[in-house]
């Protein structure tokens, strides 16, 4: 297992757990109204992204031969989600919009590095 695989795995697991933490915080702070504000399809998409990120990260740590493909799918899902959320959250809070944009940029660079460098 290379250092890049470990770093990618840690990044994916950390972001996946971060998304779960965000929704747990929203649920604890606002209850059902938080979920209704975002819409069921949005929540399902984010939980799906979380699942694929965690699966990809854990698979990389276990050195599964299919892990890189799963990890790339998770990164693609994360890139879409962060670009989508950066605009929406940026209107509500500059700090959240900035954080989401930074995550999108980092994710984009990771995808590019994996695809270009192998």
Protein backbone atom coordinates (compact mmCIF):
# COMPACT_ATOMS: atom_id res chain seq x y z
CA UNK A 1 0.00 0.00 0.00
CA UNK A 2 1.43 3.36 -1.02
CA UNK A 3 1.44 6.56 0.99
CA UNK A 4 -0.99 8.08 -1.55
CA UNK A 5 -3.44 5.20 -0.99
CA UNK A 6 -3.32 5.74 2.76
CA UNK A 7 -3.79 9.51 2.40
CA UNK A 8 -6.70 9.03 0.01
CA UNK A 9 -8.27 6.47 2.35
CA UNK A 10 -7.93 8.77 5.36
CA UNK A 11 -9.37 11.71 3.35
CA UNK A 12 -12.38 9.69 2.19
CA UNK A 13 -13.11 8.24 5.63
CA UNK A 14 -12.69 11.67 7.29
CA UNK A 15 -15.00 13.40 4.81
CA UNK A 16 -17.54 10.56 5.02
CA UNK A 17 -17.60 10.79 8.81
CA UNK A 18 -17.76 14.58 8.53
CA UNK A 19 -20.90 14.37 6.41
CA UNK A 20 -22.47 11.99 8.93
CA UNK A 21 -21.48 14.38 11.72
CA UNK A 22 -23.04 17.31 9.87
CA UNK A 23 -26.39 15.52 9.51
CA UNK A 24 -26.29 14.34 13.14
CA UNK A 25 -25.71 17.96 14.20
CA UNK A 26 -28.54 19.21 11.98
CA UNK A 27 -30.89 16.55 13.35
CA UNK A 28 -29.91 17.30 16.97
CA UNK A 29 -30.19 21.07 16.49
CA UNK A 30 -33.31 21.35 14.37
CA UNK A 31 -34.95 17.93 14.36
CA UNK A 32 -37.22 16.98 11.53
CA UNK A 33 -37.45 20.55 10.23
CA UNK A 34 -33.77 20.40 9.16
CA UNK A 35 -34.47 17.35 7.07
CA UNK A 36 -37.56 18.88 5.51
CA UNK A 37 -35.66 22.07 4.64
CA UNK A 38 -33.14 20.15 2.53
CA UNK A 39 -35.53 17.66 0.97
CA UNK A 40 -35.47 13.89 1.02
CA UNK A 41 -33.69 13.47 -2.32
CA UNK A 42 -30.82 15.72 -1.16
CA UNK A 43 -30.40 13.77 2.06
CA UNK A 44 -30.46 10.43 0.23
CA UNK A 45 -27.82 11.74 -2.19
CA UNK A 46 -25.57 12.88 0.66
CA UNK A 47 -25.95 9.62 2.56
CA UNK A 48 -25.20 7.70 -0.66
CA UNK A 49 -22.07 9.80 -1.13
CA UNK A 50 -21.11 9.10 2.48
CA UNK A 51 -21.59 5.37 2.01
CA UNK A 52 -19.43 5.25 -1.14
CA UNK A 53 -16.71 7.43 0.46
CA UNK A 54 -16.55 5.19 3.52
CA UNK A 55 -16.61 2.05 1.39
CA UNK A 56 -13.82 3.38 -0.85
CA UNK A 57 -11.68 4.57 2.05
CA UNK A 58 -12.03 1.40 4.08
CA UNK A 59 -11.45 -0.75 0.98
CA UNK A 60 -8.24 1.15 0.28
CA UNK A 61 -7.07 0.55 3.84
CA UNK A 62 -7.83 -3.16 3.44
CA UNK A 63 -5.89 -3.17 0.15
CA UNK A 64 -8.87 -4.47 -1.86
CA UNK A 65 -8.01 -4.57 -5.60
CA UNK A 66 -11.34 -2.90 -6.50
CA UNK A 67 -10.82 -0.07 -4.01
CA UNK A 68 -9.43 2.55 -6.39
CA UNK A 69 -12.49 2.40 -8.63
CA UNK A 70 -14.81 2.76 -5.65
CA UNK A 71 -12.67 5.57 -4.26
CA UNK A 72 -12.82 7.47 -7.56
CA UNK A 73 -16.60 7.10 -7.74
CA UNK A 74 -16.84 8.45 -4.19
CA UNK A 75 -14.59 11.39 -5.07
CA UNK A 76 -16.72 12.16 -8.11
CA UNK A 77 -19.86 12.11 -6.01
CA UNK A 78 -18.17 14.34 -3.43
CA UNK A 79 -17.02 16.79 -6.10
CA UNK A 80 -20.56 17.12 -7.43
CA UNK A 81 -22.03 17.48 -3.94
CA UNK A 82 -19.54 20.13 -2.82
CA UNK A 83 -19.90 22.20 -5.98
CA UNK A 84 -23.67 22.05 -5.64
CA UNK A 85 -23.61 22.89 -1.92
CA UNK A 86 -21.01 25.66 -2.16
CA UNK A 87 -23.41 27.88 -4.06
CA UNK A 88 -26.39 27.11 -1.87
CA UNK A 89 -24.52 27.39 1.43
CA UNK A 90 -22.53 30.38 0.19
CA UNK A 91 -25.75 32.37 0.00
CA UNK A 92 -26.55 31.52 3.61
CA UNK A 93 -23.10 31.69 5.19
CA UNK A 94 -19.84 32.81 3.62
CA UNK A 95 -17.87 30.54 5.96
CA UNK A 96 -19.79 27.39 4.99
CA UNK A 97 -19.62 28.29 1.31
CA UNK A 98 -15.86 28.78 1.59
CA UNK A 99 -15.37 25.45 3.38
CA UNK A 100 -17.41 23.61 0.75
CA UNK A 101 -15.47 25.31 -2.07
CA UNK A 102 -12.13 24.34 -0.49
CA UNK A 103 -13.29 20.71 -0.14
CA UNK A 104 -14.33 20.76 -3.82
CA UNK A 105 -10.96 22.13 -4.93
CA UNK A 106 -9.01 19.59 -2.85
CA UNK A 107 -11.19 16.78 -4.16
CA UNK A 108 -10.71 17.93 -7.74
CA UNK A 109 -6.93 17.98 -7.32
CA UNK A 110 -6.98 14.49 -5.82
CA UNK A 111 -9.02 13.14 -8.73
CA UNK A 112 -6.72 14.82 -11.26
CA UNK A 113 -3.60 13.49 -9.53
CA UNK A 114 -4.92 9.93 -9.45
CA UNK A 115 -5.97 9.99 -13.08
CA UNK A 116 -2.84 11.72 -14.37
CA UNK A 117 -0.20 10.07 -12.21
CA UNK A 118 -1.75 6.63 -11.85
